[in-house]
PDB file of N, CA and C in Angstrom:
ATOM      1  N   MET A   1      21.896  30.173 -32.203  1.00  0.00           N
ATOM      2  CA  MET A   1      22.524  29.227 -31.998  1.00  0.00           C
ATOM      3  C   MET A   1      23.069  28.719 -30.913  1.00  0.00           C
ATOM      4  N   LEU A   2      23.479  30.027 -30.117  1.00  0.00           N
ATOM      5  CA  LEU A   2      23.721  29.424 -28.549  1.00  0.00           C
ATOM      6  C   LEU A   2      22.894  29.027 -27.728  1.00  0.00           C
ATOM      7  N   ASN A   3      21.281  29.222 -28.037  1.00  0.00           N
ATOM      8  CA  ASN A   3      20.535  27.991 -27.300  1.00  0.00           C
ATOM      9  C   ASN A   3      20.612  26.666 -27.833  1.00  0.00           C
ATOM     10  N   PHE A   4      20.804  26.458 -29.122  1.00  0.00           N
ATOM     11  CA  PHE A   4      21.147  25.309 -29.401  1.00  0.00           C
ATOM     12  C   PHE A   4      22.501  24.559 -28.642  1.00  0.00           C
ATOM     13  N   ILE A   5      23.234  24.950 -28.823  1.00  0.00           N
ATOM     14  CA  ILE A   5      24.457  24.692 -27.869  1.00  0.00           C
ATOM     15  C   ILE A   5      24.625  24.469 -26.445  1.00  0.00           C
ATOM     16  N   LEU A   6      23.481  25.151 -26.133  1.00  0.00           N
ATOM     17  CA  LEU A   6      23.404  25.207 -24.569  1.00  0.00           C
ATOM     18  C   LEU A   6      22.475  23.864 -24.207  1.00  0.00           C
ATOM     19  N   SER A   7      21.478  23.590 -25.172  1.00  0.00           N
ATOM     20  CA  SER A   7      20.307  22.768 -25.165  1.00  0.00           C
ATOM     21  C   SER A   7      21.167  21.476 -25.461  1.00  0.00           C
ATOM     22  N   VAL A   8      22.017  21.470 -26.106  1.00  0.00           N
ATOM     23  CA  VAL A   8      22.493  20.042 -26.137  1.00  0.00           C
ATOM     24  C   VAL A   8      23.790  19.712 -25.106  1.00  0.00           C
ATOM     25  N   LEU A   9      24.098  20.672 -24.576  1.00  0.00           N
ATOM     26  CA  LEU A   9      25.234  20.681 -23.263  1.00  0.00           C
ATOM     27  C   LEU A   9      24.013  20.014 -22.179  1.00  0.00           C
ATOM     28  N   VAL A  10      22.911  20.499 -22.235  1.00  0.00           N
ATOM     29  CA  VAL A  10      22.000  20.096 -21.103  1.00  0.00           C
ATOM     30  C   VAL A  10      21.943  18.527 -21.423  1.00  0.00           C
ATOM     31  N   PHE A  11      21.257  18.563 -22.946  1.00  0.00           N
ATOM     32  CA  PHE A  11      20.925  16.950 -23.318  1.00  0.00           C
ATOM     33  C   PHE A  11      22.367  16.288 -23.166  1.00  0.00           C
ATOM     34  N   ALA A  12      23.475  16.194 -22.831  1.00  0.00           N
ATOM     35  CA  ALA A  12      24.770  15.372 -22.635  1.00  0.00           C
ATOM     36  C   ALA A  12      24.703  15.284 -21.534  1.00  0.00           C
ATOM     37  N   VAL A  13      24.710  16.274 -20.547  1.00  0.00           N
ATOM     38  CA  VAL A  13      24.654  15.831 -18.914  1.00  0.00           C
ATOM     39  C   VAL A  13      23.799  15.116 -18.719  1.00  0.00           C
ATOM     40  N   PHE A  14      22.660  15.386 -18.788  1.00  0.00           N
ATOM     41  CA  PHE A  14      21.480  14.404 -18.410  1.00  0.00           C
ATOM     42  C   PHE A  14      21.521  13.143 -18.652  1.00  0.00           C
ATOM     43  N   GLN A  15      21.861  12.755 -20.190  1.00  0.00           N
ATOM     44  CA  GLN A  15      22.150  11.628 -20.481  1.00  0.00           C
ATOM     45  C   GLN A  15      23.495  10.773 -20.157  1.00  0.00           C
ATOM     46  N   ILE A  16      24.224  11.543 -20.029  1.00  0.00           N
ATOM     47  CA  ILE A  16      25.654  10.850 -19.391  1.00  0.00           C
ATOM     48  C   ILE A  16      25.643  10.587 -17.823  1.00  0.00           C
ATOM     49  N   PHE A  17      25.007  11.686 -17.204  1.00  0.00           N
ATOM     50  CA  PHE A  17      24.914  11.389 -15.574  1.00  0.00           C
ATOM     51  C   PHE A  17      23.447  11.067 -15.139  1.00  0.00           C
ATOM     52  N   VAL A  18      22.621  10.907 -15.832  1.00  0.00           N
ATOM     53  CA  VAL A  18      21.259  10.575 -14.793  1.00  0.00           C
ATOM     54  C   VAL A  18      20.035   9.870 -15.684  1.00  0.00           C
ATOM     55  N   PHE A  19      20.085   9.860 -16.827  1.00  0.00           N
ATOM     56  CA  PHE A  19      19.381   8.730 -17.760  1.00  0.00           C
ATOM     57  C   PHE A  19      19.906   7.956 -18.175  1.00  0.00           C
ATOM     58  N   GLY A  20      20.950   7.732 -18.781  1.00  0.00           N
ATOM     59  CA  GLY A  20      21.682   6.743 -19.286  1.00  0.00           C
ATOM     60  C   GLY A  20      21.879   5.479 -18.084  1.00  0.00           C
ATOM     61  N   LYS A  21      22.534   6.080 -16.767  1.00  0.00           N
ATOM     62  CA  LYS A  21      22.722   5.314 -15.746  1.00  0.00           C
ATOM     63  C   LYS A  21      21.117   4.531 -15.337  1.00  0.00           C
ATOM     64  N   LEU A  22      20.257   5.484 -15.436  1.00  0.00           N
ATOM     65  CA  LEU A  22      18.993   4.710 -14.920  1.00  0.00           C
ATOM     66  C   LEU A  22      18.337   3.789 -16.066  1.00  0.00           C
ATOM     67  N   VAL A  23      18.740   4.034 -17.401  1.00  0.00           N
ATOM     68  CA  VAL A  23      18.416   2.827 -18.415  1.00  0.00           C
ATOM     69  C   VAL A  23      18.840   1.728 -17.908  1.00  0.00           C
ATOM     70  N   LYS A  24      20.022   1.609 -17.938  1.00  0.00           N
ATOM     71  CA  LYS A  24      20.845   0.174 -17.667  1.00  0.00           C
ATOM     72  C   LYS A  24      20.540  -0.327 -16.246  1.00  0.00           C
ATOM     73  N   LYS A  25      20.446   0.574 -15.387  1.00  0.00           N
ATOM     74  CA  LYS A  25      19.711   0.286 -13.850  1.00  0.00           C
ATOM     75  C   LYS A  25      18.732  -0.759 -13.647  1.00  0.00           C
ATOM     76  N   HIS A  26      17.447   0.026 -14.126  1.00  0.00           N
ATOM     77  CA  HIS A  26      16.203  -0.299 -14.194  1.00  0.00           C
ATOM     78  C   HIS A  26      15.949  -1.378 -15.171  1.00  0.00           C
ATOM     79  N   THR A  27      16.688  -1.439 -16.175  1.00  0.00           N
ATOM     80  CA  THR A  27      16.271  -2.250 -17.559  1.00  0.00           C
ATOM     81  C   THR A  27      16.800  -3.947 -16.644  1.00  0.00           C
ATOM     82  N   ALA A  28      18.287  -3.581 -16.093  1.00  0.00           N
ATOM     83  CA  ALA A  28      18.611  -4.809 -15.622  1.00  0.00           C
ATOM     84  C   ALA A  28      17.649  -5.473 -14.389  1.00  0.00           C
ATOM     85  N   ARG A  29      17.741  -4.514 -13.826  1.00  0.00           N
ATOM     86  CA  ARG A  29      16.429  -4.763 -12.543  1.00  0.00           C
ATOM     87  C   ARG A  29      15.315  -5.547 -12.872  1.00  0.00           C
ATOM     88  N   ILE A  30      14.084  -4.803 -14.097  1.00  0.00           N
ATOM     89  CA  ILE A  30      13.556  -5.179 -14.211  1.00  0.00           C
ATOM     90  C   ILE A  30      13.535  -6.937 -15.128  1.00  0.00           C
ATOM     91  N   HIS A  31      14.416  -6.972 -15.896  1.00  0.00           N
ATOM     92  CA  HIS A  31      14.968  -8.224 -16.285  1.00  0.00           C
ATOM     93  C   HIS A  31      14.730  -9.426 -15.276  1.00  0.00           C
ATOM     94  N   SER A  32      15.540  -8.875 -14.021  1.00  0.00           N
ATOM     95  CA  SER A  32      15.910 -10.023 -13.236  1.00  0.00           C
ATOM     96  C   SER A  32      14.515 -10.628 -12.598  1.00  0.00           C
ATOM     97  N   TYR A  33      13.502  -9.807 -12.490  1.00  0.00           N
ATOM     98  CA  TYR A  33      11.833 -10.299 -12.275  1.00  0.00           C
ATOM     99  C   TYR A  33      11.725 -11.683 -12.646  1.00  0.00           C
ATOM    100  N   VAL A  34      11.459 -12.243 -12.171  1.00  0.00           N
ATOM    101  CA  VAL A  34      10.499 -13.647 -12.303  1.00  0.00           C
ATOM    102  C   VAL A  34       9.347 -14.010 -13.197  1.00  0.00           C
ATOM    103  N   GLU A  35       8.721 -12.901 -12.537  1.00  0.00           N
ATOM    104  CA  GLU A  35       7.162 -12.886 -13.258  1.00  0.00           C
ATOM    105  C   GLU A  35       7.299 -12.505 -15.017  1.00  0.00           C
ATOM    106  N   GLU A  36       6.245 -12.882 -15.507  1.00  0.00           N
ATOM    107  CA  GLU A  36       6.452 -12.540 -16.864  1.00  0.00           C
ATOM    108  C   GLU A  36       5.531 -10.996 -17.121  1.00  0.00           C
ATOM    109  N   ARG A  37       4.702 -10.459 -16.353  1.00  0.00           N
ATOM    110  CA  ARG A  37       4.025  -9.598 -16.176  1.00  0.00           C
ATOM    111  C   ARG A  37       4.274  -8.760 -15.019  1.00  0.00           C
ATOM    112  N   HIS A  38       4.253  -7.557 -14.803  1.00  0.00           N
ATOM    113  CA  HIS A  38       4.552  -6.555 -14.052  1.00  0.00           C
ATOM    114  C   HIS A  38       3.752  -5.682 -13.772  1.00  0.00           C
ATOM    115  N   PHE A  39       3.180  -4.874 -12.790  1.00  0.00           N
ATOM    116  CA  PHE A  39       2.852  -3.938 -12.308  1.00  0.00           C
ATOM    117  C   PHE A  39       3.357  -2.441 -12.648  1.00  0.00           C
ATOM    118  N   PHE A  40       2.682  -1.724 -13.448  1.00  0.00           N
ATOM    119  CA  PHE A  40       3.566  -0.481 -14.070  1.00  0.00           C
ATOM    120  C   PHE A  40       4.359   0.215 -12.670  1.00  0.00           C
ATOM    121  N   LEU A  41       4.056   0.364 -11.632  1.00  0.00           N
ATOM    122  CA  LEU A  41       4.801   1.013 -10.870  1.00  0.00           C
ATOM    123  C   LEU A  41       5.847  -0.014 -10.100  1.00  0.00           C
ATOM    124  N   LYS A  42       6.320  -0.827 -10.658  1.00  0.00           N
ATOM    125  CA  LYS A  42       7.443  -1.618 -10.069  1.00  0.00           C
ATOM    126  C   LYS A  42       8.623  -1.231 -10.918  1.00  0.00           C
ATOM    127  N   PHE A  43       8.564  -0.557 -12.007  1.00  0.00           N
ATOM    128  CA  PHE A  43       9.306   0.085 -12.930  1.00  0.00           C
ATOM    129  C   PHE A  43      10.416   0.745 -12.430  1.00  0.00           C
ATOM    130  N   PHE A  44      10.055   1.372 -11.404  1.00  0.00           N
ATOM    131  CA  PHE A  44      11.311   2.204 -10.538  1.00  0.00           C
ATOM    132  C   PHE A  44      10.999   2.098  -9.291  1.00  0.00           C
ATOM    133  N   ASP A  45      12.259   2.114  -8.529  1.00  0.00           N
ATOM    134  CA  ASP A  45      12.697   1.814  -7.226  1.00  0.00           C
ATOM    135  C   ASP A  45      12.300   3.439  -6.513  1.00  0.00           C
ATOM    136  N   GLY A  46      11.841   3.223  -5.418  1.00  0.00           N
ATOM    137  CA  GLY A  46      11.534   4.359  -4.324  1.00  0.00           C
ATOM    138  C   GLY A  46      12.513   5.291  -4.675  1.00  0.00           C
ATOM    139  N   LYS A  47      13.781   5.420  -4.931  1.00  0.00           N
ATOM    140  CA  LYS A  47      14.886   6.443  -5.012  1.00  0.00           C
ATOM    141  C   LYS A  47      14.634   7.698  -6.665  1.00  0.00           C
ATOM    142  N   ALA A  48      14.041   6.453  -7.075  1.00  0.00           N
ATOM    143  CA  ALA A  48      14.145   7.170  -8.955  1.00  0.00           C
ATOM    144  C   ALA A  48      12.493   7.871  -8.404  1.00  0.00           C
ATOM    145  N   PHE A  49      11.381   7.355  -7.466  1.00  0.00           N
ATOM    146  CA  PHE A  49      10.090   8.054  -7.825  1.00  0.00           C
ATOM    147  C   PHE A  49      10.511   9.269  -6.918  1.00  0.00           C
ATOM    148  N   ALA A  50      11.512   9.132  -5.916  1.00  0.00           N
ATOM    149  CA  ALA A  50      11.615  10.384  -5.074  1.00  0.00           C
ATOM    150  C   ALA A  50      12.591  11.606  -6.163  1.00  0.00           C
ATOM    151  N   ILE A  51      13.665  10.859  -6.913  1.00  0.00           N
ATOM    152  CA  ILE A  51      14.421  11.738  -7.739  1.00  0.00           C
ATOM    153  C   ILE A  51      13.345  12.479  -8.993  1.00  0.00           C
ATOM    154  N   MET A  52      12.431  11.666  -9.443  1.00  0.00           N
ATOM    155  CA  MET A  52      11.384  12.542 -10.183  1.00  0.00           C
ATOM    156  C   MET A  52      10.525  13.755  -9.504  1.00  0.00           C
ATOM    157  N   ALA A  53       9.869  13.077  -8.112  1.00  0.00           N
ATOM    158  CA  ALA A  53       9.105  13.988  -7.833  1.00  0.00           C
ATOM    159  C   ALA A  53      10.022  15.230  -7.374  1.00  0.00           C
ATOM    160  N   VAL A  54      11.088  15.318  -6.841  1.00  0.00           N
ATOM    161  CA  VAL A  54      11.993  16.659  -6.472  1.00  0.00           C
ATOM    162  C   VAL A  54      12.248  17.482  -8.309  1.00  0.00           C
ATOM    163  N   MET A  55      12.684  16.621  -8.974  1.00  0.00           N
ATOM    164  CA  MET A  55      12.826  16.982 -10.468  1.00  0.00           C
ATOM    165  C   MET A  55      11.588  17.808 -10.781  1.00  0.00           C
ATOM    166  N   MET A  56      10.281  17.236 -10.554  1.00  0.00           N
ATOM    167  CA  MET A  56       9.467  17.936 -11.374  1.00  0.00           C
ATOM    168  C   MET A  56       8.807  19.204 -10.409  1.00  0.00           C
ATOM    169  N   SER A  57       8.910  18.772  -9.083  1.00  0.00           N
ATOM    170  CA  SER A  57       8.535  20.034  -7.932  1.00  0.00           C
ATOM    171  C   SER A  57       9.550  21.027  -8.451  1.00  0.00           C
ATOM    172  N   GLY A  58      10.675  20.870  -8.468  1.00  0.00           N
ATOM    173  CA  GLY A  58      11.815  22.123  -8.834  1.00  0.00           C
ATOM    174  C   GLY A  58      11.325  22.652  -9.723  1.00  0.00           C
ATOM    175  N   GLY A  59      11.375  22.371 -11.098  1.00  0.00           N
ATOM    176  CA  GLY A  59      11.015  22.243 -12.092  1.00  0.00           C
ATOM    177  C   GLY A  59       9.523  23.492 -12.518  1.00  0.00           C
ATOM    178  N   ILE A  60       8.225  23.071 -11.914  1.00  0.00           N
ATOM    179  CA  ILE A  60       7.249  23.691 -11.634  1.00  0.00           C
ATOM    180  C   ILE A  60       7.689  24.755 -11.000  1.00  0.00           C
ATOM    181  N   GLY A  61       8.289  24.772  -9.603  1.00  0.00           N
ATOM    182  CA  GLY A  61       8.396  26.052  -8.750  1.00  0.00           C
ATOM    183  C   GLY A  61       9.332  26.822  -9.201  1.00  0.00           C
ATOM    184  N   LEU A  62      10.382  26.628 -10.169  1.00  0.00           N
ATOM    185  CA  LEU A  62      10.916  27.499 -10.451  1.00  0.00           C
ATOM    186  C   LEU A  62      10.317  28.447 -11.691  1.00  0.00           C
ATOM    187  N   ARG A  63       9.657  27.938 -12.454  1.00  0.00           N
ATOM    188  CA  ARG A  63       8.721  28.225 -13.574  1.00  0.00           C
ATOM    189  C   ARG A  63       7.566  29.634 -12.856  1.00  0.00           C
ATOM    190  N   VAL A  64       6.757  28.770 -12.159  1.00  0.00           N
ATOM    191  CA  VAL A  64       5.994  29.631 -11.502  1.00  0.00           C
ATOM    192  C   VAL A  64       6.333  30.556 -10.757  1.00  0.00           C
ATOM    193  N   SER A  65       7.875  30.596 -10.048  1.00  0.00           N
ATOM    194  CA  SER A  65       8.271  31.677  -9.321  1.00  0.00           C
ATOM    195  C   SER A  65       8.647  32.815 -10.156  1.00  0.00           C
ATOM    196  N   GLY A  66       9.234  32.738 -11.211  1.00  0.00           N
ATOM    197  CA  GLY A  66       9.411  33.737 -12.462  1.00  0.00           C
ATOM    198  C   GLY A  66      11.031  34.182 -11.684  1.00  0.00           C
ATOM    199  N   LEU A  67      11.451  33.218 -11.308  1.00  0.00           N
ATOM    200  CA  LEU A  67      13.210  33.449 -10.984  1.00  0.00           C
ATOM    201  C   LEU A  67      13.877  33.494 -12.117  1.00  0.00           C
ATOM    202  N   ALA A  68      13.572  32.175 -12.987  1.00  0.00           N
ATOM    203  CA  ALA A  68      14.668  31.942 -14.172  1.00  0.00           C
ATOM    204  C   ALA A  68      13.863  32.731 -15.458  1.00  0.00           C
ATOM    205  N   PRO A  69      14.585  33.094 -16.514  1.00  0.00           N
ATOM    206  CA  PRO A  69      14.279  33.785 -17.559  1.00  0.00           C
ATOM    207  C   PRO A  69      13.662  32.748 -18.443  1.00  0.00           C
ATOM    208  N   GLU A  70      12.613  32.892 -19.315  1.00  0.00           N
ATOM    209  CA  GLU A  70      12.002  32.359 -20.118  1.00  0.00           C
ATOM    210  C   GLU A  70      13.114  31.587 -21.195  1.00  0.00           C
ATOM    211  N   ARG A  71      14.329  32.139 -21.451  1.00  0.00           N
ATOM    212  CA  ARG A  71      15.181  31.696 -22.143  1.00  0.00           C
ATOM    213  C   ARG A  71      15.698  30.539 -21.800  1.00  0.00           C
ATOM    214  N   PHE A  72      16.013  30.490 -20.298  1.00  0.00           N
ATOM    215  CA  PHE A  72      16.888  29.539 -19.523  1.00  0.00           C
ATOM    216  C   PHE A  72      15.845  28.474 -19.543  1.00  0.00           C
ATOM    217  N   ILE A  73      14.675  28.562 -19.063  1.00  0.00           N
ATOM    218  CA  ILE A  73      13.554  27.508 -19.175  1.00  0.00           C
ATOM    219  C   ILE A  73      13.310  26.743 -20.569  1.00  0.00           C
ATOM    220  N   ALA A  74      13.435  27.438 -21.862  1.00  0.00           N
ATOM    221  CA  ALA A  74      13.462  26.880 -22.941  1.00  0.00           C
ATOM    222  C   ALA A  74      14.683  26.017 -23.386  1.00  0.00           C
ATOM    223  N   VAL A  75      15.804  26.699 -22.902  1.00  0.00           N
ATOM    224  CA  VAL A  75      16.513  26.087 -23.155  1.00  0.00           C
ATOM    225  C   VAL A  75      16.849  24.522 -22.526  1.00  0.00           C
ATOM    226  N   PHE A  76      16.929  24.712 -21.039  1.00  0.00           N
ATOM    227  CA  PHE A  76      16.997  23.732 -20.171  1.00  0.00           C
ATOM    228  C   PHE A  76      15.726  22.206 -20.735  1.00  0.00           C
ATOM    229  N   TYR A  77      14.571  23.000 -20.703  1.00  0.00           N
ATOM    230  CA  TYR A  77      13.364  21.640 -21.036  1.00  0.00           C
ATOM    231  C   TYR A  77      13.802  21.243 -22.400  1.00  0.00           C
ATOM    232  N   THR A  78      14.289  21.881 -23.275  1.00  0.00           N
ATOM    233  CA  THR A  78      14.554  21.230 -24.573  1.00  0.00           C
ATOM    234  C   THR A  78      15.700  20.196 -24.465  1.00  0.00           C
ATOM    235  N   GLY A  79      16.554  20.462 -23.787  1.00  0.00           N
ATOM    236  CA  GLY A  79      17.914  19.507 -23.567  1.00  0.00           C
ATOM    237  C   GLY A  79      17.247  18.346 -22.718  1.00  0.00           C
ATOM    238  N   LEU A  80      16.472  18.645 -21.490  1.00  0.00           N
ATOM    239  CA  LEU A  80      16.253  17.629 -20.746  1.00  0.00           C
ATOM    240  C   LEU A  80      15.023  16.741 -21.414  1.00  0.00           C
ATOM    241  N   GLY A  81      14.311  17.652 -21.782  1.00  0.00           N
ATOM    242  CA  GLY A  81      13.260  16.481 -22.658  1.00  0.00           C
ATOM    243  C   GLY A  81      14.162  15.740 -23.732  1.00  0.00           C
ATOM    244  N   ALA A  82      14.717  16.211 -24.496  1.00  0.00           N
ATOM    245  CA  ALA A  82      15.456  15.483 -25.545  1.00  0.00           C
ATOM    246  C   ALA A  82      16.099  14.226 -24.904  1.00  0.00           C
ATOM    247  N   SER A  83      16.815  14.227 -23.796  1.00  0.00           N
ATOM    248  CA  SER A  83      17.563  13.241 -23.161  1.00  0.00           C
ATOM    249  C   SER A  83      16.746  12.235 -22.359  1.00  0.00           C
ATOM    250  N   LEU A  84      15.417  12.727 -21.908  1.00  0.00           N
ATOM    251  CA  LEU A  84      14.283  12.230 -21.610  1.00  0.00           C
ATOM    252  C   LEU A  84      13.547  11.016 -22.789  1.00  0.00           C
ATOM    253  N   LEU A  85      13.721  11.685 -23.450  1.00  0.00           N
ATOM    254  CA  LEU A  85      12.896  11.138 -25.065  1.00  0.00           C
ATOM    255  C   LEU A  85      13.862   9.642 -25.572  1.00  0.00           C
ATOM    256  N   LEU A  86      15.627  10.068 -25.521  1.00  0.00           N
ATOM    257  CA  LEU A  86      16.369   9.297 -25.774  1.00  0.00           C
ATOM    258  C   LEU A  86      16.370   8.001 -24.774  1.00  0.00           C
ATOM    259  N   ALA A  87      16.311   8.590 -23.554  1.00  0.00           N
ATOM    260  CA  ALA A  87      16.039   7.162 -22.438  1.00  0.00           C
ATOM    261  C   ALA A  87      15.014   6.279 -22.980  1.00  0.00           C
ATOM    262  N   GLY A  88      13.987   6.977 -23.117  1.00  0.00           N
ATOM    263  CA  GLY A  88      12.954   5.966 -23.236  1.00  0.00           C
ATOM    264  C   GLY A  88      12.822   5.401 -24.417  1.00  0.00           C
ATOM    265  N   LEU A  89      13.340   5.669 -25.610  1.00  0.00           N
ATOM    266  CA  LEU A  89      13.630   4.981 -26.605  1.00  0.00           C
ATOM    267  C   LEU A  89      14.573   4.114 -26.383  1.00  0.00           C
ATOM    268  N   LEU A  90      15.661   4.002 -25.595  1.00  0.00           N
ATOM    269  CA  LEU A  90      16.710   3.234 -25.488  1.00  0.00           C
ATOM    270  C   LEU A  90      16.191   2.094 -24.098  1.00  0.00           C
ATOM    271  N   PHE A  91      15.202   2.678 -23.455  1.00  0.00           N
ATOM    272  CA  PHE A  91      14.655   1.516 -22.370  1.00  0.00           C
ATOM    273  C   PHE A  91      13.437   0.552 -23.212  1.00  0.00           C
ATOM    274  N   GLY A  92      12.946   0.994 -24.232  1.00  0.00           N
ATOM    275  CA  GLY A  92      11.857   0.728 -24.922  1.00  0.00           C
ATOM    276  C   GLY A  92      12.693  -0.807 -25.875  1.00  0.00           C
ATOM    277  N   ARG A  93      13.890  -0.276 -26.263  1.00  0.00           N
ATOM    278  CA  ARG A  93      14.768  -1.089 -27.195  1.00  0.00           C
ATOM    279  C   ARG A  93      15.503  -2.280 -26.340  1.00  0.00           C
ATOM    280  N   ASN A  94      15.694  -1.944 -25.399  1.00  0.00           N
ATOM    281  CA  ASN A  94      16.318  -2.906 -24.368  1.00  0.00           C
ATOM    282  C   ASN A  94      15.350  -3.777 -24.389  1.00  0.00           C
ATOM    283  N   PHE A  95      14.047  -3.587 -23.861  1.00  0.00           N
ATOM    284  CA  PHE A  95      13.064  -4.376 -23.510  1.00  0.00           C
ATOM    285  C   PHE A  95      12.353  -5.207 -24.421  1.00  0.00           C
ATOM    286  N   GLY A  96      12.515  -4.645 -25.635  1.00  0.00           N
ATOM    287  CA  GLY A  96      11.909  -5.555 -26.868  1.00  0.00           C
ATOM    288  C   GLY A  96      13.274  -6.239 -27.119  1.00  0.00           C
ATOM    289  N   LYS A  97      14.396  -6.059 -27.040  1.00  0.00           N
ATOM    290  CA  LYS A  97      15.465  -6.931 -27.406  1.00  0.00           C
ATOM    291  C   LYS A  97      15.270  -8.230 -26.302  1.00  0.00           C
ATOM    292  N   ALA A  98      15.089  -8.016 -25.203  1.00  0.00           N
ATOM    293  CA  ALA A  98      14.967  -9.061 -24.059  1.00  0.00           C
ATOM    294  C   ALA A  98      13.820  -9.867 -24.169  1.00  0.00           C
ATOM    295  N   VAL A  99      12.571  -9.621 -24.852  1.00  0.00           N
ATOM    296  CA  VAL A  99      11.451 -10.058 -25.155  1.00  0.00           C
ATOM    297  C   VAL A  99      11.513 -10.892 -26.245  1.00  0.00           C
ATOM    298  N   LEU A 100      12.337 -10.050 -27.491  1.00  0.00           N
ATOM    299  CA  LEU A 100      12.522 -11.184 -28.391  1.00  0.00           C
ATOM    300  C   LEU A 100      13.482 -12.359 -28.091  1.00  0.00           C
ATOM    301  N   ALA A 101      14.304 -11.848 -27.345  1.00  0.00           N
ATOM    302  CA  ALA A 101      15.172 -13.070 -26.902  1.00  0.00           C
ATOM    303  C   ALA A 101      14.400 -14.064 -25.969  1.00  0.00           C
ATOM    304  N   ASP A 102      13.837 -14.035 -25.172  1.00  0.00           N
ATOM    305  CA  ASP A 102      13.006 -14.750 -24.365  1.00  0.00           C
ATOM    306  C   ASP A 102      11.770 -15.427 -25.732  1.00  0.00           C
ATOM    307  N   ALA A 103      11.603 -15.080 -26.563  1.00  0.00           N
ATOM    308  CA  ALA A 103      10.627 -15.750 -27.213  1.00  0.00           C
ATOM    309  C   ALA A 103      11.262 -16.661 -28.065  1.00  0.00           C
ATOM    310  N   ARG A 104      12.536 -16.395 -28.644  1.00  0.00           N
ATOM    311  CA  ARG A 104      13.012 -17.233 -29.364  1.00  0.00           C
ATOM    312  C   ARG A 104      13.853 -18.559 -28.718  1.00  0.00           C
ATOM    313  N   VAL A 105      13.898 -18.526 -27.265  1.00  0.00           N
ATOM    314  CA  VAL A 105      14.376 -19.497 -26.302  1.00  0.00           C
ATOM    315  C   VAL A 105      12.988 -20.465 -26.129  1.00  0.00           C
ATOM    316  N   GLN A 106      12.052 -19.661 -25.874  1.00  0.00           N
ATOM    317  CA  GLN A 106      10.966 -20.662 -25.901  1.00  0.00           C
ATOM    318  C   GLN A 106      10.599 -21.207 -26.987  1.00  0.00           C
ATOM    319  N   ASN A 107      10.536 -20.442 -28.112  1.00  0.00           N
ATOM    320  CA  ASN A 107      10.071 -21.181 -29.473  1.00  0.00           C
ATOM    321  C   ASN A 107      11.092 -22.531 -29.561  1.00  0.00           C
ATOM    322  N   LYS A 108      12.392 -22.080 -29.401  1.00  0.00           N
ATOM    323  CA  LYS A 108      13.208 -23.205 -29.566  1.00  0.00           C
ATOM    324  C   LYS A 108      12.913 -24.293 -28.790  1.00  0.00           C
ATOM    325  N   THR A 109      12.832 -24.495 -27.281  1.00  0.00           N
ATOM    326  CA  THR A 109      12.637 -25.395 -26.432  1.00  0.00           C
ATOM    327  C   THR A 109      11.057 -25.840 -27.027  1.00  0.00           C
ATOM    328  N   GLU A 110      10.043 -25.254 -27.486  1.00  0.00           N
ATOM    329  CA  GLU A 110       8.648 -25.594 -27.984  1.00  0.00           C
ATOM    330  C   GLU A 110       9.353 -26.864 -29.161  1.00  0.00           C
ATOM    331  N   HIS A 111      10.002 -26.215 -29.996  1.00  0.00           N
ATOM    332  CA  HIS A 111      10.018 -26.901 -31.182  1.00  0.00           C
ATOM    333  C   HIS A 111      10.910 -28.365 -30.912  1.00  0.00           C
ATOM    334  N   LYS A 112      11.783 -28.354 -29.882  1.00  0.00           N
ATOM    335  CA  LYS A 112      12.871 -29.504 -29.394  1.00  0.00           C
ATOM    336  C   LYS A 112      11.450 -30.614 -28.979  1.00  0.00           C
ATOM    337  N   GLY A 113      10.394 -30.325 -28.486  1.00  0.00           N
ATOM    338  CA  GLY A 113       9.361 -31.147 -27.630  1.00  0.00           C
ATOM    339  C   GLY A 113       8.979 -31.559 -28.835  1.00  0.00           C
ATOM    340  N   GLU A 114       8.695 -31.262 -30.297  1.00  0.00           N
ATOM    341  CA  GLU A 114       7.888 -32.035 -30.915  1.00  0.00           C
ATOM    342  C   GLU A 114       8.494 -33.227 -31.440  1.00  0.00           C
TER     343      GLU A 114
END
């Protein structure tokens, strides 16, 4: 039960302070692009790639070094992974809503021309 509570705490911290903010920021930035199609590396800015590199390197380094007990790794990765999953789902939902809204606007303008 303690592991579950700690995982939920890790999830909440990452969702509130990291991934929740990133989803809003990157969704707004991507929607501001004029082009319809985007190169996948454009989805993150330089700061986001740097944060991702530091987090991945830190996680790999911590695990390989053996400094953190397996229980900590399990609890931390469970909370972090769940928060990342939710961020991905929210990003996809936000992006899908915008695509549908654009399609509706385009459909209405096409029907007006008929």
